[in-house]
Amino acid sequence: MFPAKFQALIFAFIMSGFMAFLMSGILTLLNLGWFSGFVLTWLKAYLVAHACAFPLVLIFAPLSRKITARLIKTG
């Protein structure tokens, strides 16, 4: 479907989407509790969270890889 050169970008988009979805739901529930408009409020929070999370993943992924490489013992 997509050329291999887009693998990192697509991975970052999907991963940030999952994380933003779950974290926005958890934090919305913890902060506001369950109420009749919960799902709509959660989805609004998710859209904002994903819009922030995707570029942040792109920015911090290289740093995370470097830190991980230093923490992993090879050979």
PDB file of N, CA and C in Angstrom:
ATOM      1  N   MET A   1       0.814  -1.200   0.000  1.00  0.00           N
ATOM      2  CA  MET A   1       0.000   0.000   0.000  1.00  0.00           C
ATOM      3  C   MET A   1       0.858   1.265   0.000  1.00  0.00           C
ATOM      4  N   PHE A   2       1.849   1.318   0.894  1.00  0.00           N
ATOM      5  CA  PHE A   2       2.739   2.478   0.971  1.00  0.00           C
ATOM      6  C   PHE A   2       4.173   2.022   0.705  1.00  0.00           C
ATOM      7  N   PRO A   3       4.979   2.863   0.115  1.00  0.00           N
ATOM      8  CA  PRO A   3       6.401   2.512  -0.066  1.00  0.00           C
ATOM      9  C   PRO A   3       7.095   2.351   1.288  1.00  0.00           C
ATOM     10  N   ALA A   4       8.119   1.525   1.311  1.00  0.00           N
ATOM     11  CA  ALA A   4       8.855   1.230   2.546  1.00  0.00           C
ATOM     12  C   ALA A   4       9.462   2.479   3.175  1.00  0.00           C
ATOM     13  N   LYS A   5       9.765   3.493   2.372  1.00  0.00           N
ATOM     14  CA  LYS A   5      10.395   4.696   2.924  1.00  0.00           C
ATOM     15  C   LYS A   5       9.495   5.437   3.912  1.00  0.00           C
ATOM     16  N   PHE A   6       8.199   5.125   3.904  1.00  0.00           N
ATOM     17  CA  PHE A   6       7.262   5.769   4.824  1.00  0.00           C
ATOM     18  C   PHE A   6       7.015   4.958   6.099  1.00  0.00           C
ATOM     19  N   GLN A   7       7.740   3.865   6.277  1.00  0.00           N
ATOM     20  CA  GLN A   7       7.502   2.975   7.413  1.00  0.00           C
ATOM     21  C   GLN A   7       7.599   3.702   8.756  1.00  0.00           C
ATOM     22  N   ALA A   8       8.642   4.461   8.978  1.00  0.00           N
ATOM     23  CA  ALA A   8       8.829   5.142  10.262  1.00  0.00           C
ATOM     24  C   ALA A   8       7.729   6.179  10.508  1.00  0.00           C
ATOM     25  N   LEU A   9       7.341   6.888   9.483  1.00  0.00           N
ATOM     26  CA  LEU A   9       6.293   7.898   9.606  1.00  0.00           C
ATOM     27  C   LEU A   9       4.941   7.258   9.921  1.00  0.00           C
ATOM     28  N   ILE A  10       4.614   6.179   9.232  1.00  0.00           N
ATOM     29  CA  ILE A  10       3.347   5.491   9.466  1.00  0.00           C
ATOM     30  C   ILE A  10       3.334   4.851  10.848  1.00  0.00           C
ATOM     31  N   PHE A  11       4.453   4.244  11.241  1.00  0.00           N
ATOM     32  CA  PHE A  11       4.555   3.670  12.584  1.00  0.00           C
ATOM     33  C   PHE A  11       4.315   4.747  13.642  1.00  0.00           C
ATOM     34  N   ALA A  12       4.956   5.895  13.492  1.00  0.00           N
ATOM     35  CA  ALA A  12       4.802   6.982  14.463  1.00  0.00           C
ATOM     36  C   ALA A  12       3.361   7.458  14.518  1.00  0.00           C
ATOM     37  N   PHE A  13       2.705   7.546  13.377  1.00  0.00           N
ATOM     38  CA  PHE A  13       1.309   7.985  13.340  1.00  0.00           C
ATOM     39  C   PHE A  13       0.396   6.995  14.063  1.00  0.00           C
ATOM     40  N   ILE A  14       0.571   5.714  13.782  1.00  0.00           N
ATOM     41  CA  ILE A  14      -0.270   4.685  14.409  1.00  0.00           C
ATOM     42  C   ILE A  14       0.011   4.577  15.902  1.00  0.00           C
ATOM     43  N   MET A  15       1.289   4.542  16.272  1.00  0.00           N
ATOM     44  CA  MET A  15       1.645   4.418  17.691  1.00  0.00           C
ATOM     45  C   MET A  15       1.156   5.622  18.480  1.00  0.00           C
ATOM     46  N   SER A  16       1.354   6.817  17.957  1.00  0.00           N
ATOM     47  CA  SER A  16       0.878   8.006  18.666  1.00  0.00           C
ATOM     48  C   SER A  16      -0.641   8.016  18.744  1.00  0.00           C
ATOM     49  N   GLY A  17      -1.297   7.470  17.731  1.00  0.00           N
ATOM     50  CA  GLY A  17      -2.754   7.380  17.759  1.00  0.00           C
ATOM     51  C   GLY A  17      -3.253   6.467  18.869  1.00  0.00           C
ATOM     52  N   PHE A  18      -2.639   5.298  18.986  1.00  0.00           N
ATOM     53  CA  PHE A  18      -3.020   4.372  20.059  1.00  0.00           C
ATOM     54  C   PHE A  18      -2.774   4.991  21.438  1.00  0.00           C
ATOM     55  N   MET A  19      -1.593   5.546  21.615  1.00  0.00           N
ATOM     56  CA  MET A  19      -1.246   6.113  22.917  1.00  0.00           C
ATOM     57  C   MET A  19      -2.138   7.306  23.267  1.00  0.00           C
ATOM     58  N   ALA A  20      -2.379   8.185  22.312  1.00  0.00           N
ATOM     59  CA  ALA A  20      -3.233   9.342  22.563  1.00  0.00           C
ATOM     60  C   ALA A  20      -4.655   8.901  22.883  1.00  0.00           C
ATOM     61  N   PHE A  21      -5.145   7.884  22.179  1.00  0.00           N
ATOM     62  CA  PHE A  21      -6.499   7.388  22.418  1.00  0.00           C
ATOM     63  C   PHE A  21      -6.646   6.844  23.836  1.00  0.00           C
ATOM     64  N   LEU A  22      -5.716   5.982  24.214  1.00  0.00           N
ATOM     65  CA  LEU A  22      -5.795   5.369  25.543  1.00  0.00           C
ATOM     66  C   LEU A  22      -5.554   6.383  26.664  1.00  0.00           C
ATOM     67  N   MET A  23      -4.530   7.194  26.521  1.00  0.00           N
ATOM     68  CA  MET A  23      -4.210   8.154  27.584  1.00  0.00           C
ATOM     69  C   MET A  23      -5.290   9.224  27.729  1.00  0.00           C
ATOM     70  N   SER A  24      -5.839   9.702  26.627  1.00  0.00           N
ATOM     71  CA  SER A  24      -6.896  10.706  26.734  1.00  0.00           C
ATOM     72  C   SER A  24      -8.129  10.109  27.399  1.00  0.00           C
ATOM     73  N   GLY A  25      -8.428   8.858  27.102  1.00  0.00           N
ATOM     74  CA  GLY A  25      -9.570   8.203  27.751  1.00  0.00           C
ATOM     75  C   GLY A  25      -9.358   8.016  29.241  1.00  0.00           C
ATOM     76  N   ILE A  26      -8.187   7.553  29.609  1.00  0.00           N
ATOM     77  CA  ILE A  26      -7.875   7.337  31.027  1.00  0.00           C
ATOM     78  C   ILE A  26      -7.900   8.660  31.792  1.00  0.00           C
ATOM     79  N   LEU A  27      -7.259   9.677  31.234  1.00  0.00           N
ATOM     80  CA  LEU A  27      -7.193  10.961  31.941  1.00  0.00           C
ATOM     81  C   LEU A  27      -8.542  11.675  31.977  1.00  0.00           C
ATOM     82  N   THR A  28      -9.328  11.530  30.922  1.00  0.00           N
ATOM     83  CA  THR A  28     -10.677  12.112  30.943  1.00  0.00           C
ATOM     84  C   THR A  28     -11.510  11.436  32.032  1.00  0.00           C
ATOM     85  N   LEU A  29     -11.416  10.124  32.128  1.00  0.00           N
ATOM     86  CA  LEU A  29     -12.162   9.396  33.152  1.00  0.00           C
ATOM     87  C   LEU A  29     -11.698   9.772  34.556  1.00  0.00           C
ATOM     88  N   LEU A  30     -10.391   9.842  34.766  1.00  0.00           N
ATOM     89  CA  LEU A  30      -9.875  10.189  36.088  1.00  0.00           C
ATOM     90  C   LEU A  30     -10.249  11.623  36.499  1.00  0.00           C
ATOM     91  N   ASN A  31     -10.191  12.545  35.555  1.00  0.00           N
ATOM     92  CA  ASN A  31     -10.448  13.944  35.885  1.00  0.00           C
ATOM     93  C   ASN A  31     -11.927  14.298  35.981  1.00  0.00           C
ATOM     94  N   LEU A  32     -12.759  13.678  35.140  1.00  0.00           N
ATOM     95  CA  LEU A  32     -14.170  14.065  35.085  1.00  0.00           C
ATOM     96  C   LEU A  32     -15.127  12.980  35.558  1.00  0.00           C
ATOM     97  N   GLY A  33     -14.642  11.743  35.630  1.00  0.00           N
ATOM     98  CA  GLY A  33     -15.525  10.647  35.982  1.00  0.00           C
ATOM     99  C   GLY A  33     -16.422  10.285  34.812  1.00  0.00           C
ATOM    100  N   TRP A  34     -17.256   9.270  35.018  1.00  0.00           N
ATOM    101  CA  TRP A  34     -18.170   8.837  33.957  1.00  0.00           C
ATOM    102  C   TRP A  34     -19.414   9.708  33.988  1.00  0.00           C
ATOM    103  N   PHE A  35     -19.797  10.256  32.851  1.00  0.00           N
ATOM    104  CA  PHE A  35     -20.999  11.075  32.749  1.00  0.00           C
ATOM    105  C   PHE A  35     -21.601  10.873  31.370  1.00  0.00           C
ATOM    106  N   SER A  36     -22.770  11.428  31.131  1.00  0.00           N
ATOM    107  CA  SER A  36     -23.512  11.143  29.903  1.00  0.00           C
ATOM    108  C   SER A  36     -22.780  11.576  28.632  1.00  0.00           C
ATOM    109  N   GLY A  37     -21.970  12.603  28.676  1.00  0.00           N
ATOM    110  CA  GLY A  37     -21.248  13.058  27.493  1.00  0.00           C
ATOM    111  C   GLY A  37     -19.807  12.615  27.460  1.00  0.00           C
ATOM    112  N   PHE A  38     -19.490  11.568  28.208  1.00  0.00           N
ATOM    113  CA  PHE A  38     -18.097  11.139  28.348  1.00  0.00           C
ATOM    114  C   PHE A  38     -17.431  10.810  27.013  1.00  0.00           C
ATOM    115  N   VAL A  39     -18.082  10.017  26.193  1.00  0.00           N
ATOM    116  CA  VAL A  39     -17.456   9.548  24.956  1.00  0.00           C
ATOM    117  C   VAL A  39     -17.140  10.722  24.025  1.00  0.00           C
ATOM    118  N   LEU A  40     -18.050  11.660  23.887  1.00  0.00           N
ATOM    119  CA  LEU A  40     -17.800  12.824  23.036  1.00  0.00           C
ATOM    120  C   LEU A  40     -16.649  13.674  23.588  1.00  0.00           C
ATOM    121  N   THR A  41     -16.634  13.866  24.906  1.00  0.00           N
ATOM    122  CA  THR A  41     -15.545  14.621  25.544  1.00  0.00           C
ATOM    123  C   THR A  41     -14.217  13.904  25.342  1.00  0.00           C
ATOM    124  N   TRP A  42     -14.225  12.569  25.489  1.00  0.00           N
ATOM    125  CA  TRP A  42     -13.025  11.764  25.283  1.00  0.00           C
ATOM    126  C   TRP A  42     -12.525  11.920  23.849  1.00  0.00           C
ATOM    127  N   LEU A  43     -13.424  11.831  22.878  1.00  0.00           N
ATOM    128  CA  LEU A  43     -13.003  11.928  21.478  1.00  0.00           C
ATOM    129  C   LEU A  43     -12.440  13.310  21.141  1.00  0.00           C
ATOM    130  N   LYS A  44     -13.000  14.335  21.724  1.00  0.00           N
ATOM    131  CA  LYS A  44     -12.446  15.681  21.526  1.00  0.00           C
ATOM    132  C   LYS A  44     -11.041  15.763  22.117  1.00  0.00           C
ATOM    133  N   ALA A  45     -10.869  15.211  23.312  1.00  0.00           N
ATOM    134  CA  ALA A  45      -9.550  15.194  23.949  1.00  0.00           C
ATOM    135  C   ALA A  45      -8.567  14.367  23.119  1.00  0.00           C
ATOM    136  N   TYR A  46      -9.052  13.274  22.549  1.00  0.00           N
ATOM    137  CA  TYR A  46      -8.198  12.423  21.727  1.00  0.00           C
ATOM    138  C   TYR A  46      -7.680  13.177  20.501  1.00  0.00           C
ATOM    139  N   LEU A  47      -8.539  13.916  19.833  1.00  0.00           N
ATOM    140  CA  LEU A  47      -8.108  14.658  18.640  1.00  0.00           C
ATOM    141  C   LEU A  47      -7.002  15.653  18.975  1.00  0.00           C
ATOM    142  N   VAL A  48      -7.139  16.340  20.087  1.00  0.00           N
ATOM    143  CA  VAL A  48      -6.100  17.289  20.512  1.00  0.00           C
ATOM    144  C   VAL A  48      -4.827  16.535  20.887  1.00  0.00           C
ATOM    145  N   ALA A  49      -4.997  15.446  21.638  1.00  0.00           N
ATOM    146  CA  ALA A  49      -3.838  14.668  22.092  1.00  0.00           C
ATOM    147  C   ALA A  49      -3.067  14.087  20.910  1.00  0.00           C
ATOM    148  N   HIS A  50      -3.775  13.560  19.921  1.00  0.00           N
ATOM    149  CA  HIS A  50      -3.085  12.962  18.778  1.00  0.00           C
ATOM    150  C   HIS A  50      -2.393  14.034  17.940  1.00  0.00           C
ATOM    151  N   ALA A  51      -3.019  15.177  17.810  1.00  0.00           N
ATOM    152  CA  ALA A  51      -2.391  16.283  17.080  1.00  0.00           C
ATOM    153  C   ALA A  51      -1.089  16.721  17.750  1.00  0.00           C
ATOM    154  N   CYS A  52      -1.006  16.578  19.049  1.00  0.00           N
ATOM    155  CA  CYS A  52       0.232  16.898  19.781  1.00  0.00           C
ATOM    156  C   CYS A  52       1.200  15.720  19.779  1.00  0.00           C
ATOM    157  N   ALA A  53       0.678  14.510  19.971  1.00  0.00           N
ATOM    158  CA  ALA A  53       1.525  13.328  20.138  1.00  0.00           C
ATOM    159  C   ALA A  53       2.290  12.961  18.870  1.00  0.00           C
ATOM    160  N   PHE A  54       1.672  13.070  17.716  1.00  0.00           N
ATOM    161  CA  PHE A  54       2.330  12.646  16.483  1.00  0.00           C
ATOM    162  C   PHE A  54       3.615  13.428  16.210  1.00  0.00           C
ATOM    163  N   PRO A  55       3.575  14.761  16.200  1.00  0.00           N
ATOM    164  CA  PRO A  55       4.846  15.458  15.976  1.00  0.00           C
ATOM    165  C   PRO A  55       5.856  15.244  17.097  1.00  0.00           C
ATOM    166  N   LEU A  56       5.371  15.074  18.325  1.00  0.00           N
ATOM    167  CA  LEU A  56       6.292  14.835  19.435  1.00  0.00           C
ATOM    168  C   LEU A  56       6.995  13.490  19.298  1.00  0.00           C
ATOM    169  N   VAL A  57       6.288  12.481  18.817  1.00  0.00           N
ATOM    170  CA  VAL A  57       6.911  11.182  18.571  1.00  0.00           C
ATOM    171  C   VAL A  57       7.991  11.325  17.504  1.00  0.00           C
ATOM    172  N   LEU A  58       7.688  12.074  16.458  1.00  0.00           N
ATOM    173  CA  LEU A  58       8.684  12.275  15.400  1.00  0.00           C
ATOM    174  C   LEU A  58       9.923  12.993  15.926  1.00  0.00           C
ATOM    175  N   ILE A  59       9.720  13.931  16.841  1.00  0.00           N
ATOM    176  CA  ILE A  59      10.838  14.695  17.403  1.00  0.00           C
ATOM    177  C   ILE A  59      11.665  13.849  18.370  1.00  0.00           C
ATOM    178  N   PHE A  60      10.997  13.101  19.252  1.00  0.00           N
ATOM    179  CA  PHE A  60      11.697  12.400  20.324  1.00  0.00           C
ATOM    180  C   PHE A  60      12.099  10.966  20.004  1.00  0.00           C
ATOM    181  N   ALA A  61      11.634  10.409  18.910  1.00  0.00           N
ATOM    182  CA  ALA A  61      12.013   9.034  18.560  1.00  0.00           C
ATOM    183  C   ALA A  61      13.526   8.874  18.390  1.00  0.00           C
ATOM    184  N   PRO A  62      14.207   9.772  17.675  1.00  0.00           N
ATOM    185  CA  PRO A  62      15.668   9.600  17.550  1.00  0.00           C
ATOM    186  C   PRO A  62      16.392   9.654  18.900  1.00  0.00           C
ATOM    187  N   LEU A  63      15.982  10.543  19.768  1.00  0.00           N
ATOM    188  CA  LEU A  63      16.593  10.630  21.094  1.00  0.00           C
ATOM    189  C   LEU A  63      16.313   9.359  21.889  1.00  0.00           C
ATOM    190  N   SER A  64      15.101   8.850  21.805  1.00  0.00           N
ATOM    191  CA  SER A  64      14.749   7.613  22.504  1.00  0.00           C
ATOM    192  C   SER A  64      15.584   6.444  22.008  1.00  0.00           C
ATOM    193  N   ARG A  65      15.802   6.389  20.692  1.00  0.00           N
ATOM    194  CA  ARG A  65      16.639   5.314  20.132  1.00  0.00           C
ATOM    195  C   ARG A  65      18.073   5.407  20.652  1.00  0.00           C
ATOM    196  N   LYS A  66      18.614   6.622  20.723  1.00  0.00           N
ATOM    197  CA  LYS A  66      19.983   6.807  21.219  1.00  0.00           C
ATOM    198  C   LYS A  66      20.107   6.399  22.680  1.00  0.00           C
ATOM    199  N   ILE A  67      19.159   6.810  23.502  1.00  0.00           N
ATOM    200  CA  ILE A  67      19.186   6.443  24.921  1.00  0.00           C
ATOM    201  C   ILE A  67      19.063   4.939  25.081  1.00  0.00           C
ATOM    202  N   THR A  68      18.136   4.338  24.323  1.00  0.00           N
ATOM    203  CA  THR A  68      17.955   2.889  24.385  1.00  0.00           C
ATOM    204  C   THR A  68      19.222   2.161  23.973  1.00  0.00           C
ATOM    205  N   ALA A  69      19.868   2.621  22.920  1.00  0.00           N
ATOM    206  CA  ALA A  69      21.107   1.989  22.457  1.00  0.00           C
ATOM    207  C   ALA A  69      22.186   2.036  23.521  1.00  0.00           C
ATOM    208  N   ARG A  70      22.237   3.114  24.284  1.00  0.00           N
ATOM    209  CA  ARG A  70      23.237   3.225  25.358  1.00  0.00           C
ATOM    210  C   ARG A  70      22.915   2.329  26.553  1.00  0.00           C
ATOM    211  N   LEU A  71      21.644   2.036  26.749  1.00  0.00           N
ATOM    212  CA  LEU A  71      21.220   1.230  27.888  1.00  0.00           C
ATOM    213  C   LEU A  71      21.282  -0.270  27.630  1.00  0.00           C
ATOM    214  N   ILE A  72      21.302  -0.646  26.361  1.00  0.00           N
ATOM    215  CA  ILE A  72      21.301  -2.062  25.999  1.00  0.00           C
ATOM    216  C   ILE A  72      22.732  -2.567  25.890  1.00  0.00           C
ATOM    217  N   LYS A  73      22.970  -3.687  26.562  1.00  0.00           N
ATOM    218  CA  LYS A  73      24.298  -4.309  26.518  1.00  0.00           C
ATOM    219  C   LYS A  73      24.368  -5.174  25.264  1.00  0.00           C
ATOM    220  N   THR A  74      25.367  -4.939  24.442  1.00  0.00           N
ATOM    221  CA  THR A  74      25.564  -5.771  23.247  1.00  0.00           C
ATOM    222  C   THR A  74      26.823  -6.588  23.416  1.00  0.00           C
ATOM    223  N   GLY A  75      26.698  -7.861  23.012  1.00  0.00           N
ATOM    224  CA  GLY A  75      27.849  -8.766  23.037  1.00  0.00           C
ATOM    225  C   GLY A  75      28.401  -8.969  24.333  1.00  0.00           C
TER     226      GLY A  75
END
